[in-house]
Amino acid sequence: MRHEISYIVDGDLKDRYEPKANPLSCFKDQCDMRRHSYQESINYRAFSDKNDHSFNLWSELLEFLNGDSDGEKIHTIRGYVFGNRRNVFVELKAIEE
């Protein structure tokens, strides 16, 4: 399985790459960078084939991923810049090969 991180603004792809290090850490770094540049908070969402889950805090997302997901296979995580008038988010996607 490989991972992809994307940065999207108003539906336009601004950046996409495969992280060389831990994908979750790289995703968090990208979210923090966007949070600082827009001076807004980040809301996180985790998507499975069945559901999507919303989290206000990074620690809540990690807790969910580390055991509270009830066996759901999470394929995409997004960090939305909250409060921004534009649709801005960072996405971490797991891609099965």
PDB file of N, CA and C in Angstrom:
ATOM      1  N   MET A   1       0.846  -1.167   0.000  1.00  0.00           N
ATOM      2  CA  MET A   1       0.000   0.000   0.000  1.00  0.00           C
ATOM      3  C   MET A   1       0.898   1.239   0.000  1.00  0.00           C
ATOM      4  N   ARG A   2       0.482   2.212  -0.773  1.00  0.00           N
ATOM      5  CA  ARG A   2       1.212   3.474  -0.784  1.00  0.00           C
ATOM      6  C   ARG A   2       0.271   4.578  -0.308  1.00  0.00           C
ATOM      7  N   HIS A   3       0.849   5.737  -0.012  1.00  0.00           N
ATOM      8  CA  HIS A   3       0.069   6.864   0.501  1.00  0.00           C
ATOM      9  C   HIS A   3       0.339   8.106  -0.338  1.00  0.00           C
ATOM     10  N   GLU A   4      -0.664   8.960  -0.392  1.00  0.00           N
ATOM     11  CA  GLU A   4      -0.561  10.217  -1.126  1.00  0.00           C
ATOM     12  C   GLU A   4      -1.087  11.339  -0.243  1.00  0.00           C
ATOM     13  N   ILE A   5      -0.380  12.459  -0.241  1.00  0.00           N
ATOM     14  CA  ILE A   5      -0.843  13.651   0.462  1.00  0.00           C
ATOM     15  C   ILE A   5      -1.120  14.725  -0.581  1.00  0.00           C
ATOM     16  N   SER A   6      -2.302  15.329  -0.493  1.00  0.00           N
ATOM     17  CA  SER A   6      -2.703  16.375  -1.432  1.00  0.00           C
ATOM     18  C   SER A   6      -3.099  17.628  -0.659  1.00  0.00           C
ATOM     19  N   TYR A   7      -2.886  18.767  -1.294  1.00  0.00           N
ATOM     20  CA  TYR A   7      -3.304  20.062  -0.758  1.00  0.00           C
ATOM     21  C   TYR A   7      -4.239  20.660  -1.793  1.00  0.00           C
ATOM     22  N   ILE A   8      -5.496  20.935  -1.394  1.00  0.00           N
ATOM     23  CA  ILE A   8      -6.532  21.353  -2.332  1.00  0.00           C
ATOM     24  C   ILE A   8      -7.177  22.654  -1.852  1.00  0.00           C
ATOM     25  N   VAL A   9      -7.330  23.614  -2.775  1.00  0.00           N
ATOM     26  CA  VAL A   9      -7.966  24.899  -2.486  1.00  0.00           C
ATOM     27  C   VAL A   9      -9.078  25.116  -3.507  1.00  0.00           C
ATOM     28  N   ASP A  10     -10.299  25.270  -3.014  1.00  0.00           N
ATOM     29  CA  ASP A  10     -11.462  25.506  -3.882  1.00  0.00           C
ATOM     30  C   ASP A  10     -11.529  24.519  -5.046  1.00  0.00           C
ATOM     31  N   GLY A  11     -11.251  23.253  -4.768  1.00  0.00           N
ATOM     32  CA  GLY A  11     -11.333  22.215  -5.783  1.00  0.00           C
ATOM     33  C   GLY A  11     -10.120  22.088  -6.683  1.00  0.00           C
ATOM     34  N   ASP A  12      -9.156  22.990  -6.559  1.00  0.00           N
ATOM     35  CA  ASP A  12      -7.941  22.941  -7.380  1.00  0.00           C
ATOM     36  C   ASP A  12      -6.811  22.275  -6.614  1.00  0.00           C
ATOM     37  N   LEU A  13      -6.208  21.274  -7.221  1.00  0.00           N
ATOM     38  CA  LEU A  13      -5.065  20.596  -6.628  1.00  0.00           C
ATOM     39  C   LEU A  13      -3.858  21.519  -6.682  1.00  0.00           C
ATOM     40  N   LYS A  14      -3.307  21.845  -5.514  1.00  0.00           N
ATOM     41  CA  LYS A  14      -2.143  22.731  -5.433  1.00  0.00           C
ATOM     42  C   LYS A  14      -0.846  21.951  -5.279  1.00  0.00           C
ATOM     43  N   ASP A  15      -0.918  20.780  -4.650  1.00  0.00           N
ATOM     44  CA  ASP A  15       0.279  19.974  -4.421  1.00  0.00           C
ATOM     45  C   ASP A  15      -0.143  18.537  -4.147  1.00  0.00           C
ATOM     46  N   ARG A  16       0.664  17.580  -4.620  1.00  0.00           N
ATOM     47  CA  ARG A  16       0.422  16.162  -4.339  1.00  0.00           C
ATOM     48  C   ARG A  16       1.769  15.462  -4.324  1.00  0.00           C
ATOM     49  N   TYR A  17       1.973  14.615  -3.326  1.00  0.00           N
ATOM     50  CA  TYR A  17       3.226  13.862  -3.259  1.00  0.00           C
ATOM     51  C   TYR A  17       3.039  12.603  -2.418  1.00  0.00           C
ATOM     52  N   GLU A  18       3.971  11.672  -2.581  1.00  0.00           N
ATOM     53  CA  GLU A  18       4.017  10.477  -1.754  1.00  0.00           C
ATOM     54  C   GLU A  18       5.005  10.733  -0.633  1.00  0.00           C
ATOM     55  N   PRO A  19       4.558  10.663   0.613  1.00  0.00           N
ATOM     56  CA  PRO A  19       5.462  10.947   1.733  1.00  0.00           C
ATOM     57  C   PRO A  19       6.562   9.893   1.845  1.00  0.00           C
ATOM     58  N   LYS A  20       7.765  10.344   2.125  1.00  0.00           N
ATOM     59  CA  LYS A  20       8.911   9.444   2.288  1.00  0.00           C
ATOM     60  C   LYS A  20       8.980   8.910   3.713  1.00  0.00           C
ATOM     61  N   ALA A  21       8.503   9.699   4.676  1.00  0.00           N
ATOM     62  CA  ALA A  21       8.525   9.306   6.090  1.00  0.00           C
ATOM     63  C   ALA A  21       7.136   8.799   6.486  1.00  0.00           C
ATOM     64  N   ASN A  22       6.861   8.744   7.767  1.00  0.00           N
ATOM     65  CA  ASN A  22       5.577   8.302   8.290  1.00  0.00           C
ATOM     66  C   ASN A  22       4.453   9.153   7.688  1.00  0.00           C
ATOM     67  N   PRO A  23       3.520   8.543   6.952  1.00  0.00           N
ATOM     68  CA  PRO A  23       2.460   9.316   6.283  1.00  0.00           C
ATOM     69  C   PRO A  23       1.615  10.160   7.234  1.00  0.00           C
ATOM     70  N   LEU A  24       1.301   9.628   8.406  1.00  0.00           N
ATOM     71  CA  LEU A  24       0.477  10.369   9.356  1.00  0.00           C
ATOM     72  C   LEU A  24       1.213  11.593   9.892  1.00  0.00           C
ATOM     73  N   SER A  25       2.501  11.457  10.146  1.00  0.00           N
ATOM     74  CA  SER A  25       3.310  12.598  10.610  1.00  0.00           C
ATOM     75  C   SER A  25       3.427  13.664   9.527  1.00  0.00           C
ATOM     76  N   CYS A  26       3.623  13.233   8.291  1.00  0.00           N
ATOM     77  CA  CYS A  26       3.712  14.181   7.172  1.00  0.00           C
ATOM     78  C   CYS A  26       2.388  14.914   6.982  1.00  0.00           C
ATOM     79  N   PHE A  27       1.281  14.186   7.104  1.00  0.00           N
ATOM     80  CA  PHE A  27      -0.049  14.789   7.014  1.00  0.00           C
ATOM     81  C   PHE A  27      -0.229  15.848   8.100  1.00  0.00           C
ATOM     82  N   LYS A  28       0.137  15.508   9.335  1.00  0.00           N
ATOM     83  CA  LYS A  28       0.022  16.444  10.461  1.00  0.00           C
ATOM     84  C   LYS A  28       0.863  17.691  10.210  1.00  0.00           C
ATOM     85  N   ASP A  29       2.083  17.518   9.699  1.00  0.00           N
ATOM     86  CA  ASP A  29       2.948  18.661   9.390  1.00  0.00           C
ATOM     87  C   ASP A  29       2.303  19.582   8.358  1.00  0.00           C
ATOM     88  N   GLN A  30       1.706  18.994   7.319  1.00  0.00           N
ATOM     89  CA  GLN A  30       1.035  19.792   6.287  1.00  0.00           C
ATOM     90  C   GLN A  30      -0.169  20.539   6.864  1.00  0.00           C
ATOM     91  N   CYS A  31      -0.946  19.877   7.709  1.00  0.00           N
ATOM     92  CA  CYS A  31      -2.100  20.532   8.347  1.00  0.00           C
ATOM     93  C   CYS A  31      -1.643  21.690   9.221  1.00  0.00           C
ATOM     94  N   ASP A  32      -0.584  21.471   9.990  1.00  0.00           N
ATOM     95  CA  ASP A  32      -0.066  22.541  10.847  1.00  0.00           C
ATOM     96  C   ASP A  32       0.413  23.729  10.022  1.00  0.00           C
ATOM     97  N   MET A  33       1.058  23.447   8.901  1.00  0.00           N
ATOM     98  CA  MET A  33       1.541  24.516   8.031  1.00  0.00           C
ATOM     99  C   MET A  33       0.365  25.346   7.498  1.00  0.00           C
ATOM    100  N   ARG A  34      -0.704  24.681   7.075  1.00  0.00           N
ATOM    101  CA  ARG A  34      -1.887  25.393   6.561  1.00  0.00           C
ATOM    102  C   ARG A  34      -2.578  26.155   7.688  1.00  0.00           C
ATOM    103  N   ARG A  35      -2.630  25.559   8.866  1.00  0.00           N
ATOM    104  CA  ARG A  35      -3.259  26.218  10.017  1.00  0.00           C
ATOM    105  C   ARG A  35      -2.536  27.526  10.322  1.00  0.00           C
ATOM    106  N   HIS A  36      -1.221  27.509  10.280  1.00  0.00           N
ATOM    107  CA  HIS A  36      -0.447  28.722  10.561  1.00  0.00           C
ATOM    108  C   HIS A  36      -0.575  29.753   9.437  1.00  0.00           C
ATOM    109  N   SER A  37      -0.573  29.301   8.188  1.00  0.00           N
ATOM    110  CA  SER A  37      -0.632  30.262   7.082  1.00  0.00           C
ATOM    111  C   SER A  37      -2.001  30.933   6.980  1.00  0.00           C
ATOM    112  N   TYR A  38      -3.073  30.219   7.307  1.00  0.00           N
ATOM    113  CA  TYR A  38      -4.416  30.797   7.254  1.00  0.00           C
ATOM    114  C   TYR A  38      -4.865  31.355   8.602  1.00  0.00           C
ATOM    115  N   GLN A  39      -4.097  31.116   9.663  1.00  0.00           N
ATOM    116  CA  GLN A  39      -4.447  31.567  11.015  1.00  0.00           C
ATOM    117  C   GLN A  39      -5.833  31.069  11.425  1.00  0.00           C
ATOM    118  N   GLU A  40      -6.114  29.827  11.128  1.00  0.00           N
ATOM    119  CA  GLU A  40      -7.393  29.199  11.475  1.00  0.00           C
ATOM    120  C   GLU A  40      -7.130  27.825  12.081  1.00  0.00           C
ATOM    121  N   SER A  41      -8.151  27.229  12.668  1.00  0.00           N
ATOM    122  CA  SER A  41      -8.010  25.889  13.228  1.00  0.00           C
ATOM    123  C   SER A  41      -8.286  24.836  12.151  1.00  0.00           C
ATOM    124  N   ILE A  42      -7.946  23.594  12.473  1.00  0.00           N
ATOM    125  CA  ILE A  42      -8.147  22.477  11.553  1.00  0.00           C
ATOM    126  C   ILE A  42      -9.176  21.526  12.156  1.00  0.00           C
ATOM    127  N   ASN A  43     -10.126  21.103  11.354  1.00  0.00           N
ATOM    128  CA  ASN A  43     -11.053  20.034  11.719  1.00  0.00           C
ATOM    129  C   ASN A  43     -10.673  18.820  10.888  1.00  0.00           C
ATOM    130  N   TYR A  44     -10.664  17.657  11.525  1.00  0.00           N
ATOM    131  CA  TYR A  44     -10.232  16.427  10.864  1.00  0.00           C
ATOM    132  C   TYR A  44     -11.425  15.533  10.583  1.00  0.00           C
ATOM    133  N   ARG A  45     -11.360  14.829   9.451  1.00  0.00           N
ATOM    134  CA  ARG A  45     -12.388  13.844   9.111  1.00  0.00           C
ATOM    135  C   ARG A  45     -11.707  12.589   8.617  1.00  0.00           C
ATOM    136  N   ALA A  46     -12.208  11.447   9.069  1.00  0.00           N
ATOM    137  CA  ALA A  46     -11.699  10.140   8.651  1.00  0.00           C
ATOM    138  C   ALA A  46     -12.816   9.431   7.891  1.00  0.00           C
ATOM    139  N   PHE A  47     -12.492   8.917   6.714  1.00  0.00           N
ATOM    140  CA  PHE A  47     -13.486   8.298   5.838  1.00  0.00           C
ATOM    141  C   PHE A  47     -13.209   6.807   5.677  1.00  0.00           C
ATOM    142  N   SER A  48     -14.266   6.000   5.824  1.00  0.00           N
ATOM    143  CA  SER A  48     -14.209   4.578   5.497  1.00  0.00           C
ATOM    144  C   SER A  48     -15.219   4.354   4.371  1.00  0.00           C
ATOM    145  N   ASP A  49     -15.381   3.109   3.950  1.00  0.00           N
ATOM    146  CA  ASP A  49     -16.383   2.824   2.922  1.00  0.00           C
ATOM    147  C   ASP A  49     -17.807   3.006   3.450  1.00  0.00           C
ATOM    148  N   LYS A  50     -17.969   2.914   4.777  1.00  0.00           N
ATOM    149  CA  LYS A  50     -19.295   2.980   5.379  1.00  0.00           C
ATOM    150  C   LYS A  50     -19.636   4.344   5.966  1.00  0.00           C
ATOM    151  N   ASN A  51     -18.668   4.991   6.590  1.00  0.00           N
ATOM    152  CA  ASN A  51     -18.941   6.201   7.375  1.00  0.00           C
ATOM    153  C   ASN A  51     -17.857   7.248   7.194  1.00  0.00           C
ATOM    154  N   ASP A  52     -18.161   8.435   7.685  1.00  0.00           N
ATOM    155  CA  ASP A  52     -17.108   9.421   7.892  1.00  0.00           C
ATOM    156  C   ASP A  52     -17.267   9.949   9.312  1.00  0.00           C
ATOM    157  N   HIS A  53     -16.139  10.248   9.931  1.00  0.00           N
ATOM    158  CA  HIS A  53     -16.089  10.653  11.329  1.00  0.00           C
ATOM    159  C   HIS A  53     -15.386  11.997  11.419  1.00  0.00           C
ATOM    160  N   SER A  54     -15.895  12.877  12.274  1.00  0.00           N
ATOM    161  CA  SER A  54     -15.350  14.227  12.408  1.00  0.00           C
ATOM    162  C   SER A  54     -14.713  14.403  13.785  1.00  0.00           C
ATOM    163  N   PHE A  55     -13.572  15.131  13.810  1.00  0.00           N
ATOM    164  CA  PHE A  55     -12.824  15.355  15.048  1.00  0.00           C
ATOM    165  C   PHE A  55     -12.337  16.794  15.088  1.00  0.00           C
ATOM    166  N   ASN A  56     -12.454  17.417  16.248  1.00  0.00           N
ATOM    167  CA  ASN A  56     -11.970  18.785  16.422  1.00  0.00           C
ATOM    168  C   ASN A  56     -10.503  18.830  16.803  1.00  0.00           C
ATOM    169  N   LEU A  57     -10.007  17.756  17.395  1.00  0.00           N
ATOM    170  CA  LEU A  57      -8.632  17.728  17.884  1.00  0.00           C
ATOM    171  C   LEU A  57      -7.839  16.594  17.251  1.00  0.00           C
ATOM    172  N   TRP A  58      -6.552  16.823  17.048  1.00  0.00           N
ATOM    173  CA  TRP A  58      -5.650  15.803  16.513  1.00  0.00           C
ATOM    174  C   TRP A  58      -5.646  14.578  17.430  1.00  0.00           C
ATOM    175  N   SER A  59      -5.643  14.802  18.739  1.00  0.00           N
ATOM    176  CA  SER A  59      -5.609  13.690  19.700  1.00  0.00           C
ATOM    177  C   SER A  59      -6.854  12.804  19.575  1.00  0.00           C
ATOM    178  N   GLU A  60      -8.003  13.399  19.270  1.00  0.00           N
ATOM    179  CA  GLU A  60      -9.230  12.616  19.071  1.00  0.00           C
ATOM    180  C   GLU A  60      -9.113  11.734  17.833  1.00  0.00           C
ATOM    181  N   LEU A  61      -8.562  12.279  16.770  1.00  0.00           N
ATOM    182  CA  LEU A  61      -8.358  11.497  15.548  1.00  0.00           C
ATOM    183  C   LEU A  61      -7.415  10.333  15.814  1.00  0.00           C
ATOM    184  N   LEU A  62      -6.299  10.593  16.495  1.00  0.00           N
ATOM    185  CA  LEU A  62      -5.336   9.528  16.794  1.00  0.00           C
ATOM    186  C   LEU A  62      -5.956   8.437  17.659  1.00  0.00           C
ATOM    187  N   GLU A  63      -6.741   8.834  18.646  1.00  0.00           N
ATOM    188  CA  GLU A  63      -7.417   7.858  19.505  1.00  0.00           C
ATOM    189  C   GLU A  63      -8.336   6.968  18.676  1.00  0.00           C
ATOM    190  N   PHE A  64      -9.060   7.571  17.760  1.00  0.00           N
ATOM    191  CA  PHE A  64      -9.948   6.816  16.876  1.00  0.00           C
ATOM    192  C   PHE A  64      -9.151   5.843  16.008  1.00  0.00           C
ATOM    193  N   LEU A  65      -8.082   6.318  15.398  1.00  0.00           N
ATOM    194  CA  LEU A  65      -7.275   5.478  14.516  1.00  0.00           C
ATOM    195  C   LEU A  65      -6.566   4.355  15.272  1.00  0.00           C
ATOM    196  N   ASN A  66      -6.272   4.586  16.544  1.00  0.00           N
ATOM    197  CA  ASN A  66      -5.542   3.600  17.344  1.00  0.00           C
ATOM    198  C   ASN A  66      -6.439   2.636  18.107  1.00  0.00           C
ATOM    199  N   GLY A  67      -7.695   2.528  17.727  1.00  0.00           N
ATOM    200  CA  GLY A  67      -8.488   1.508  18.387  1.00  0.00           C
ATOM    201  C   GLY A  67      -9.974   1.715  18.461  1.00  0.00           C
ATOM    202  N   ASP A  68     -10.457   2.928  18.309  1.00  0.00           N
ATOM    203  CA  ASP A  68     -11.887   3.177  18.438  1.00  0.00           C
ATOM    204  C   ASP A  68     -12.638   3.085  17.110  1.00  0.00           C
ATOM    205  N   SER A  69     -11.969   2.644  16.060  1.00  0.00           N
ATOM    206  CA  SER A  69     -12.607   2.637  14.740  1.00  0.00           C
ATOM    207  C   SER A  69     -13.496   1.418  14.522  1.00  0.00           C
ATOM    208  N   ASP A  70     -13.589   0.525  15.512  1.00  0.00           N
ATOM    209  CA  ASP A  70     -14.459  -0.657  15.432  1.00  0.00           C
ATOM    210  C   ASP A  70     -14.231  -1.469  14.165  1.00  0.00           C
ATOM    211  N   GLY A  71     -12.993  -1.608  13.767  1.00  0.00           N
ATOM    212  CA  GLY A  71     -12.654  -2.437  12.623  1.00  0.00           C
ATOM    213  C   GLY A  71     -12.896  -1.796  11.269  1.00  0.00           C
ATOM    214  N   GLU A  72     -13.368  -0.558  11.253  1.00  0.00           N
ATOM    215  CA  GLU A  72     -13.557   0.123   9.971  1.00  0.00           C
ATOM    216  C   GLU A  72     -12.204   0.369   9.327  1.00  0.00           C
ATOM    217  N   LYS A  73     -12.124   0.154   8.044  1.00  0.00           N
ATOM    218  CA  LYS A  73     -10.882   0.408   7.321  1.00  0.00           C
ATOM    219  C   LYS A  73     -10.919   1.840   6.785  1.00  0.00           C
ATOM    220  N   ILE A  74     -10.117   2.697   7.396  1.00  0.00           N
ATOM    221  CA  ILE A  74     -10.079   4.107   7.008  1.00  0.00           C
ATOM    222  C   ILE A  74      -9.176   4.249   5.784  1.00  0.00           C
ATOM    223  N   HIS A  75      -9.706   4.843   4.712  1.00  0.00           N
ATOM    224  CA  HIS A  75      -8.923   4.988   3.484  1.00  0.00           C
ATOM    225  C   HIS A  75      -8.496   6.428   3.209  1.00  0.00           C
ATOM    226  N   THR A  76      -9.162   7.398   3.837  1.00  0.00           N
ATOM    227  CA  THR A  76      -8.846   8.804   3.594  1.00  0.00           C
ATOM    228  C   THR A  76      -9.019   9.599   4.882  1.00  0.00           C
ATOM    229  N   ILE A  77      -8.075  10.509   5.118  1.00  0.00           N
ATOM    230  CA  ILE A  77      -8.174  11.442   6.235  1.00  0.00           C
ATOM    231  C   ILE A  77      -8.002  12.838   5.655  1.00  0.00           C
ATOM    232  N   ARG A  78      -8.856  13.751   6.075  1.00  0.00           N
ATOM    233  CA  ARG A  78      -8.745  15.138   5.615  1.00  0.00           C
ATOM    234  C   ARG A  78      -8.636  16.077   6.802  1.00  0.00           C
ATOM    235  N   GLY A  79      -7.866  17.123   6.611  1.00  0.00           N
ATOM    236  CA  GLY A  79      -7.774  18.207   7.578  1.00  0.00           C
ATOM    237  C   GLY A  79      -8.305  19.461   6.913  1.00  0.00           C
ATOM    238  N   TYR A  80      -9.469  19.931   7.343  1.00  0.00           N
ATOM    239  CA  TYR A  80     -10.109  21.109   6.756  1.00  0.00           C
ATOM    240  C   TYR A  80      -9.713  22.359   7.530  1.00  0.00           C
ATOM    241  N   VAL A  81      -9.367  23.419   6.814  1.00  0.00           N
ATOM    242  CA  VAL A  81      -9.088  24.704   7.454  1.00  0.00           C
ATOM    243  C   VAL A  81     -10.436  25.288   7.850  1.00  0.00           C
ATOM    244  N   PHE A  82     -10.691  25.325   9.149  1.00  0.00           N
ATOM    245  CA  PHE A  82     -11.993  25.730   9.679  1.00  0.00           C
ATOM    246  C   PHE A  82     -12.077  27.251   9.762  1.00  0.00           C
ATOM    247  N   GLY A  83     -13.199  27.802   9.332  1.00  0.00           N
ATOM    248  CA  GLY A  83     -13.426  29.233   9.446  1.00  0.00           C
ATOM    249  C   GLY A  83     -12.968  30.019   8.235  1.00  0.00           C
ATOM    250  N   ASN A  84     -12.278  29.371   7.327  1.00  0.00           N
ATOM    251  CA  ASN A  84     -11.800  30.033   6.123  1.00  0.00           C
ATOM    252  C   ASN A  84     -12.951  30.095   5.125  1.00  0.00           C
ATOM    253  N   ARG A  85     -13.067  31.163   4.402  1.00  0.00           N
ATOM    254  CA  ARG A  85     -14.153  31.304   3.419  1.00  0.00           C
ATOM    255  C   ARG A  85     -13.927  30.441   2.185  1.00  0.00           C
ATOM    256  N   ARG A  86     -12.705  29.973   2.025  1.00  0.00           N
ATOM    257  CA  ARG A  86     -12.395  29.105   0.891  1.00  0.00           C
ATOM    258  C   ARG A  86     -12.457  27.653   1.353  1.00  0.00           C
ATOM    259  N   ASN A  87     -12.647  26.747   0.405  1.00  0.00           N
ATOM    260  CA  ASN A  87     -12.654  25.319   0.703  1.00  0.00           C
ATOM    261  C   ASN A  87     -11.211  24.822   0.626  1.00  0.00           C
ATOM    262  N   VAL A  88     -10.533  24.757   1.776  1.00  0.00           N
ATOM    263  CA  VAL A  88      -9.116  24.406   1.845  1.00  0.00           C
ATOM    264  C   VAL A  88      -8.961  23.166   2.712  1.00  0.00           C
ATOM    265  N   PHE A  89      -8.280  22.146   2.169  1.00  0.00           N
ATOM    266  CA  PHE A  89      -7.999  20.975   2.997  1.00  0.00           C
ATOM    267  C   PHE A  89      -6.748  20.246   2.523  1.00  0.00           C
ATOM    268  N   VAL A  90      -6.202  19.475   3.468  1.00  0.00           N
ATOM    269  CA  VAL A  90      -5.086  18.575   3.199  1.00  0.00           C
ATOM    270  C   VAL A  90      -5.659  17.172   3.292  1.00  0.00           C
ATOM    271  N   GLU A  91      -5.268  16.293   2.371  1.00  0.00           N
ATOM    272  CA  GLU A  91      -5.823  14.946   2.333  1.00  0.00           C
ATOM    273  C   GLU A  91      -4.709  13.909   2.349  1.00  0.00           C
ATOM    274  N   LEU A  92      -4.880  12.892   3.187  1.00  0.00           N
ATOM    275  CA  LEU A  92      -4.000  11.725   3.204  1.00  0.00           C
ATOM    276  C   LEU A  92      -4.827  10.554   2.725  1.00  0.00           C
ATOM    277  N   LYS A  93      -4.378   9.923   1.657  1.00  0.00           N
ATOM    278  CA  LYS A  93      -5.136   8.822   1.073  1.00  0.00           C
ATOM    279  C   LYS A  93      -4.260   7.577   1.012  1.00  0.00           C
ATOM    280  N   ALA A  94      -4.824   6.439   1.447  1.00  0.00           N
ATOM    281  CA  ALA A  94      -4.160   5.141   1.321  1.00  0.00           C
ATOM    282  C   ALA A  94      -4.590   4.532  -0.007  1.00  0.00           C
ATOM    283  N   ILE A  95      -3.616   4.102  -0.796  1.00  0.00           N
ATOM    284  CA  ILE A  95      -3.895   3.556  -2.122  1.00  0.00           C
ATOM    285  C   ILE A  95      -3.376   2.123  -2.177  1.00  0.00           C
ATOM    286  N   GLU A  96      -4.304   1.185  -2.345  1.00  0.00           N
ATOM    287  CA  GLU A  96      -3.901  -0.219  -2.436  1.00  0.00           C
ATOM    288  C   GLU A  96      -3.398  -0.502  -3.837  1.00  0.00           C
ATOM    289  N   GLU A  97      -2.307  -1.256  -3.878  1.00  0.00           N
ATOM    290  CA  GLU A  97      -1.715  -1.565  -5.191  1.00  0.00           C
ATOM    291  C   GLU A  97      -1.995  -2.991  -5.585  1.00  0.00           C
TER     292      GLU A  97
END
